[in-house]
Protein backbone atom coordinates (compact mmCIF):
# COMPACT_ATOMS: atom_id res chain seq x y z
CA MET A 1 181.23 -214.60 -99.59
CA GLY A 2 181.94 -211.19 -98.06
CA VAL A 3 183.05 -209.77 -101.41
CA GLU A 4 179.82 -210.96 -103.08
CA VAL A 5 177.72 -209.30 -100.36
CA VAL A 6 179.60 -206.04 -100.90
CA LYS A 7 179.00 -206.26 -104.67
CA PHE A 8 175.27 -206.87 -104.24
CA THR A 9 175.05 -204.04 -101.70
CA ILE A 10 176.81 -201.57 -104.00
CA PHE A 11 174.64 -202.72 -106.93
CA GLY A 12 171.40 -202.33 -104.94
CA VAL A 13 172.25 -199.00 -103.31
CA SER A 14 173.44 -197.54 -106.63
CA LEU A 15 170.21 -198.60 -108.35
CA PHE A 16 168.12 -197.09 -105.54
CA LEU A 17 169.97 -193.78 -105.78
CA MET A 18 169.52 -193.74 -109.57
CA PHE A 19 165.77 -194.26 -109.20
CA PHE A 20 165.42 -191.67 -106.44
CA LEU A 21 167.41 -189.02 -108.30
CA SER A 22 165.70 -189.81 -111.63
CA LYS A 23 162.35 -189.28 -109.90
CA TYR A 24 163.57 -185.91 -108.64
CA LEU A 25 164.73 -184.94 -112.15
CA VAL A 26 161.37 -185.94 -113.65
CA GLU A 27 159.49 -183.83 -111.09
CA SER A 28 161.87 -180.91 -111.60
CA LEU A 29 161.62 -181.02 -115.40
CA THR A 30 157.84 -181.47 -115.30
CA HIS A 31 157.53 -178.44 -113.00
CA PHE A 32 159.65 -176.39 -115.38
CA SER A 33 157.62 -177.54 -118.42
CA LYS A 34 154.33 -176.68 -116.78
CA LYS A 35 155.65 -173.18 -116.09
CA LEU A 36 156.16 -172.90 -119.85
CA ARG A 37 152.64 -174.28 -120.42
CA VAL A 38 153.60 -176.93 -122.96
CA SER A 39 151.21 -179.78 -123.83
CA GLU A 40 150.73 -182.89 -121.69
CA PHE A 41 151.77 -185.08 -124.61
CA MET A 42 154.95 -183.09 -125.14
CA VAL A 43 155.81 -183.29 -121.43
CA GLY A 44 155.45 -187.09 -121.53
CA SER A 45 157.22 -187.56 -124.84
CA ILE A 46 160.24 -185.35 -124.15
CA VAL A 47 160.53 -184.40 -120.49
CA LEU A 48 159.36 -187.60 -118.79
CA ALA A 49 160.86 -189.82 -121.50
CA ILE A 50 164.38 -188.39 -121.20
CA GLY A 51 164.17 -188.10 -117.42
CA THR A 52 163.05 -191.69 -116.90
CA SER A 53 165.52 -192.96 -119.54
CA LEU A 54 168.55 -191.49 -117.77
CA PRO A 55 169.45 -194.82 -116.09
CA GLU A 56 169.46 -196.62 -119.46
CA ILE A 57 171.38 -193.80 -121.16
CA ILE A 58 174.06 -193.67 -118.46
CA ASP A 59 174.36 -197.46 -118.10
CA ALA A 60 174.58 -198.03 -121.87
CA LEU A 61 177.20 -195.29 -122.20
CA ILE A 62 179.33 -196.71 -119.40
CA ALA A 63 178.97 -200.27 -120.70
CA SER A 64 180.15 -199.08 -124.11
CA THR A 65 183.20 -197.28 -122.69
CA LEU A 66 184.12 -200.51 -120.88
CA SER A 67 183.78 -202.51 -124.15
CA LEU A 68 180.75 -204.38 -122.77
CA GLY A 69 178.67 -204.09 -125.94
CA GLU A 70 176.42 -207.07 -125.15
CA LEU A 71 175.53 -205.62 -121.77
CA GLY A 72 174.82 -202.15 -123.16
CA MET A 73 172.68 -203.46 -126.01
CA GLY A 74 170.86 -205.81 -123.64
CA ILE A 75 169.95 -202.88 -121.38
CA ILE A 76 168.57 -200.84 -124.31
CA VAL A 77 166.60 -203.62 -126.01
CA GLY A 78 165.40 -205.26 -122.79
CA SER A 79 164.22 -201.93 -121.41
CA ASN A 80 162.20 -201.20 -124.56
CA ILE A 81 160.55 -204.61 -124.47
CA SER A 82 159.63 -204.21 -120.79
CA ASN A 83 158.33 -200.68 -121.48
CA ILE A 84 155.74 -202.01 -123.92
CA LEU A 85 154.89 -205.48 -122.62
CA LEU A 86 155.19 -204.78 -118.88
CA ILE A 87 154.67 -201.06 -118.24
CA LEU A 88 152.08 -200.30 -120.93
CA SER A 89 150.16 -203.47 -120.08
CA MET A 90 150.04 -202.61 -116.36
CA SER A 91 149.00 -199.04 -117.16
CA VAL A 92 146.02 -200.11 -119.30
CA LEU A 93 145.03 -202.72 -116.72
CA ILE A 94 144.64 -199.80 -114.30
CA LYS A 95 142.97 -197.51 -116.84
CA PRO A 96 142.15 -198.72 -120.40
CA ILE A 97 142.85 -196.31 -123.23
CA SER A 98 139.47 -195.78 -124.85
CA LYS A 99 140.47 -193.52 -127.72
CA ILE A 100 143.87 -193.07 -129.35
CA SER A 101 144.42 -189.51 -130.56
CA LYS A 102 146.15 -188.54 -133.81
CA PRO A 103 149.35 -187.26 -132.13
CA VAL A 104 149.70 -190.58 -130.28
CA LEU A 105 149.14 -192.53 -133.51
CA LYS A 106 151.76 -190.39 -135.23
CA GLU A 107 154.26 -191.17 -132.48
CA SER A 108 153.52 -194.90 -132.76
CA TYR A 109 154.26 -194.78 -136.52
CA LEU A 110 157.50 -192.90 -135.89
CA LEU A 111 158.57 -195.33 -133.17
CA LEU A 112 157.95 -198.26 -135.52
CA LEU A 113 160.10 -196.59 -138.19
CA ILE A 114 162.84 -195.88 -135.63
CA THR A 115 162.78 -199.49 -134.43
CA LEU A 116 163.01 -200.78 -138.00
CA VAL A 117 166.04 -198.57 -138.74
CA PHE A 118 167.66 -199.63 -135.46
CA VAL A 119 167.18 -203.32 -136.30
CA LEU A 120 168.67 -202.80 -139.76
CA PHE A 121 171.72 -201.13 -138.17
CA CYS A 122 172.09 -204.12 -135.83
CA LEU A 123 172.04 -206.81 -138.54
CA ASP A 124 175.84 -206.97 -138.69
CA GLY A 125 176.11 -207.47 -134.92
CA GLN A 126 177.45 -204.03 -134.08
CA LEU A 127 176.67 -200.31 -134.03
CA SER A 128 179.40 -198.18 -135.59
CA ARG A 129 180.24 -194.57 -134.77
CA PHE A 130 178.65 -193.43 -138.03
CA GLU A 131 175.45 -195.30 -137.16
CA GLY A 132 175.57 -193.74 -133.70
CA PHE A 133 175.79 -190.29 -135.26
CA MET A 134 172.83 -191.11 -137.53
CA LEU A 135 170.79 -192.25 -134.52
CA LEU A 136 171.53 -189.02 -132.64
CA ALA A 137 170.64 -186.87 -135.64
CA SER A 138 167.42 -188.87 -136.04
CA TYR A 139 166.49 -188.15 -132.42
CA ALA A 140 166.55 -184.42 -133.06
CA GLY A 141 164.52 -184.90 -136.25
CA TYR A 142 162.07 -187.19 -134.44
CA HIS A 143 161.10 -184.54 -131.90
CA TRP A 144 161.07 -181.73 -134.42
CA PHE A 145 158.63 -183.64 -136.64
CA LEU A 146 156.50 -184.80 -133.71
CA HIS A 147 156.29 -181.50 -131.84
CA LYS A 148 157.00 -178.79 -134.42
CA LYS A 149 153.58 -177.23 -133.78
CA ASP A 150 154.25 -177.13 -130.04
CA MET A 151 157.79 -175.73 -130.24
CA HIS A 152 156.86 -172.45 -128.60
CA ALA A 153 156.80 -171.43 -124.97
CA GLY A 154 153.57 -169.96 -123.67
CA GLY A 155 154.87 -168.72 -120.34
CA MET A 156 157.82 -167.20 -118.56
CA VAL A 157 159.96 -168.75 -115.86
CA TYR A 158 161.65 -166.58 -113.25
CA VAL A 159 164.97 -167.68 -111.82
CA LYS A 160 163.72 -167.50 -108.23
CA GLU A 161 161.04 -170.10 -109.08
CA ILE A 162 163.62 -172.69 -110.16
CA GLN A 163 166.76 -171.60 -108.30
CA ALA A 164 166.80 -174.79 -106.17
CA ASP A 165 166.56 -176.91 -109.32
CA ILE A 166 169.39 -174.95 -110.95
CA ILE A 167 171.67 -175.96 -108.06
CA LEU A 168 170.43 -179.50 -107.41
CA THR A 169 169.91 -180.75 -110.98
CA PRO A 170 173.63 -180.81 -111.99
CA ILE A 171 174.44 -182.54 -108.68
CA ALA A 172 171.72 -185.14 -109.30
CA ILE A 173 172.94 -185.81 -112.86
CA PHE A 174 176.57 -186.20 -111.70
CA THR A 175 175.48 -188.60 -108.94
CA ILE A 176 173.41 -190.64 -111.42
CA ILE A 177 176.50 -190.97 -113.64
CA ILE A 178 178.58 -192.24 -110.71
CA CYS A 179 175.82 -194.67 -109.69
CA GLY A 180 175.49 -195.85 -113.31
CA TRP A 181 179.22 -196.60 -113.40
CA LEU A 182 178.89 -198.62 -110.18
CA VAL A 183 175.80 -200.50 -111.46
CA VAL A 184 177.52 -201.55 -114.69
CA ASN A 185 180.80 -202.54 -113.05
CA THR A 186 179.33 -204.45 -110.12
CA GLY A 187 176.62 -205.91 -112.39
CA ALA A 188 179.17 -207.27 -114.85
CA SER A 189 181.20 -208.68 -111.96
CA ILE A 190 178.13 -210.32 -110.40
CA ALA A 191 177.16 -211.82 -113.77
CA GLU A 192 180.67 -213.25 -114.14
CA ASP A 193 180.64 -214.67 -110.59
CA LEU A 194 177.27 -216.37 -111.19
CA SER A 195 178.19 -217.47 -114.75
CA ILE A 196 175.29 -215.45 -116.18
CA PRO A 197 175.78 -214.25 -119.79
CA LEU A 198 176.13 -210.46 -120.04
CA SER A 199 173.40 -210.28 -122.69
CA PHE A 200 170.89 -211.98 -120.36
CA PHE A 201 171.95 -209.83 -117.39
CA GLY A 202 171.38 -206.70 -119.47
CA LEU A 203 168.17 -207.88 -121.17
CA ILE A 204 166.37 -208.87 -117.98
CA ILE A 205 167.94 -207.84 -114.70
CA ILE A 206 169.35 -204.37 -115.43
CA ALA A 207 166.73 -203.62 -118.13
CA VAL A 208 163.82 -204.25 -115.77
CA THR A 209 165.37 -202.40 -112.84
CA THR A 210 166.29 -199.36 -114.94
CA SER A 211 162.70 -199.30 -116.25
CA LEU A 212 161.30 -198.69 -112.77
CA PRO A 213 161.21 -194.88 -113.24
CA GLU A 214 159.05 -195.36 -116.36
CA LEU A 215 156.87 -197.81 -114.42
CA SER A 216 156.24 -195.50 -111.48
CA SER A 217 155.57 -192.39 -113.58
CA SER A 218 153.31 -194.29 -116.03
CA LEU A 219 151.24 -195.94 -113.29
CA ILE A 220 150.77 -192.60 -111.53
CA SER A 221 149.73 -190.97 -114.82
CA ALA A 222 147.37 -193.88 -115.59
CA LYS A 223 145.64 -193.59 -112.20
CA LYS A 224 145.01 -189.91 -112.90
CA GLY A 225 143.68 -190.69 -116.39
CA HIS A 226 146.50 -188.92 -118.26
CA TYR A 227 146.81 -191.55 -121.00
CA LYS A 228 148.60 -189.17 -123.38
CA MET A 229 151.34 -188.76 -120.80
CA VAL A 230 151.51 -192.55 -120.35
CA ILE A 231 151.92 -193.21 -124.08
CA GLY A 232 154.21 -190.23 -124.53
CA ASN A 233 156.39 -191.43 -121.67
CA ILE A 234 156.63 -195.06 -122.87
CA PHE A 235 157.02 -194.38 -126.60
CA GLY A 236 159.24 -191.36 -125.99
CA SER A 237 161.40 -193.43 -123.62
CA ASN A 238 161.76 -196.17 -126.24
CA ALA A 239 162.78 -193.60 -128.84
CA ALA A 240 165.27 -192.10 -126.37
CA ASN A 241 166.76 -195.53 -125.68
CA LEU A 242 167.14 -196.47 -129.36
CA LEU A 243 168.30 -193.11 -130.66
CA LEU A 244 169.82 -191.25 -127.72
CA ALA A 245 171.24 -194.02 -125.50
CA ALA A 246 172.43 -196.24 -128.36
CA GLY A 247 173.56 -193.21 -130.37
CA ILE A 248 175.71 -191.72 -127.62
CA ALA A 249 177.10 -195.11 -126.54
CA SER A 250 178.12 -196.21 -130.05
CA LEU A 251 179.49 -192.76 -130.88
CA VAL A 252 181.85 -193.01 -127.90
CA ARG A 253 182.85 -196.59 -128.73
CA PRO A 254 181.31 -198.94 -131.35
CA MET A 255 179.01 -201.48 -129.65
CA VAL A 256 179.82 -205.08 -130.64
CA PHE A 257 177.34 -207.84 -129.72
CA ALA A 258 177.59 -210.33 -132.62
CA SER A 259 178.14 -213.41 -130.43
CA SER A 260 174.78 -213.36 -128.63
CA ASN A 261 171.93 -215.31 -130.26
CA VAL A 262 169.48 -214.46 -127.48
CA LEU A 263 170.23 -210.77 -128.00
CA ALA A 264 169.61 -211.10 -131.74
CA PHE A 265 166.28 -212.80 -130.95
CA SER A 266 165.36 -209.99 -128.55
CA ILE A 267 166.16 -207.29 -131.12
CA LEU A 268 163.88 -208.96 -133.66
CA SER A 269 161.24 -209.48 -130.93
CA LEU A 270 161.31 -205.75 -130.21
CA LEU A 271 160.48 -205.03 -133.86
CA VAL A 272 157.60 -207.53 -133.81
CA ILE A 273 156.23 -206.18 -130.51
CA THR A 274 156.39 -202.57 -131.70
CA SER A 275 154.72 -203.53 -134.99
CA LEU A 276 151.87 -205.32 -133.21
CA ILE A 277 151.10 -202.51 -130.74
CA THR A 278 151.17 -200.01 -133.61
CA PHE A 279 148.78 -202.22 -135.60
CA VAL A 280 146.40 -202.50 -132.63
CA MET A 281 146.39 -198.73 -132.09
CA HIS A 282 145.87 -198.08 -135.80
CA THR A 283 142.99 -200.55 -136.22
CA LYS A 284 141.26 -200.48 -132.83
CA LYS A 285 142.04 -196.86 -131.85
CA ARG A 286 142.14 -198.07 -128.24
CA VAL A 287 144.01 -200.40 -125.88
CA SER A 288 141.71 -202.51 -123.69
CA ARG A 289 142.32 -204.41 -120.46
CA LYS A 290 142.13 -207.64 -122.47
CA MET A 291 144.97 -206.41 -124.68
CA GLY A 292 146.90 -205.43 -121.56
CA SER A 293 146.49 -208.96 -120.17
CA ILE A 294 147.72 -210.48 -123.44
CA MET A 295 150.77 -208.21 -123.45
CA LEU A 296 151.61 -209.10 -119.85
CA PHE A 297 151.29 -212.83 -120.66
CA CYS A 298 153.60 -212.38 -123.66
CA TYR A 299 156.17 -210.71 -121.42
CA VAL A 300 156.13 -213.70 -119.05
CA ILE A 301 156.65 -216.04 -122.03
CA TYR A 302 159.52 -213.85 -123.25
CA LEU A 303 161.17 -213.96 -119.81
CA ILE A 304 160.91 -217.75 -119.70
CA PHE A 305 162.31 -218.12 -123.21
CA VAL A 306 165.25 -215.79 -122.59
CA SER A 307 165.97 -217.43 -119.24
CA ILE A 308 166.13 -220.89 -120.83
CA PHE A 309 167.99 -220.07 -124.03
CA GLY A 310 170.03 -217.25 -122.50
CA GLY A 311 171.78 -219.73 -120.25
CA ALA A 312 170.40 -218.45 -116.96
CA VAL A 313 168.65 -221.71 -116.04
């Protein structure tokens, strides 16, 4: 009993530190970006997306190095599903998106294409090193195509303005890596102790908890009416998870997850969910509170289905 308490304590404290430090990194990067006077959409799509995706990137990488492919893939896919059905739905319930701009529509089309390619790569139940390299290369191309008109700095940053960040940012990143290693190791051990399949543990428990940075930053942006930052954060985070997190993880060690039917279902569900939200944005040019309620209901249904067929209940 004492050992289990220690595991849960390490797991919880490590997650808390990851969230706290990720929040600091997001604020630091956002401050730096504003000094350069880049667009709100670009800040959300690149800066916030990568900053809030650090927990998923680190956890997926560590899971891959430990040959826990099902856990790593569960974290990536589960996080993307929760980003759309949970975080986007809660954001539009706070502040509906009345008009979808062309840059946001373009990102939704790109994310759908990325998701389709990712699903095709996953059909054989694994991600190879070559596929990981292709995903990483696609991430660079994704941002170049999306932000090529904004790839210029409009301001100057003096060292004295960011000298604290220069010192603290590497320390924060190193600490996040250590915490990610602890989360994956203790999480896998807890799942084994409770006889919970790794795929389910990654899809729901770690995926939802590592999505908390996206949730907090999106809700804050929604309250302030910065819908472009909300969409940029969520879609950019999903792209970072599929291309950056999965790319790095599978490049280090091929991710094998062929034995999990619930994971295969979730990967296909992600494609369907991304297709539907893209269709709604394309046809309606807005996302209403009613749509947010439907998305939230669908997420509850998904959780119930995965809990039953994933062997957790």
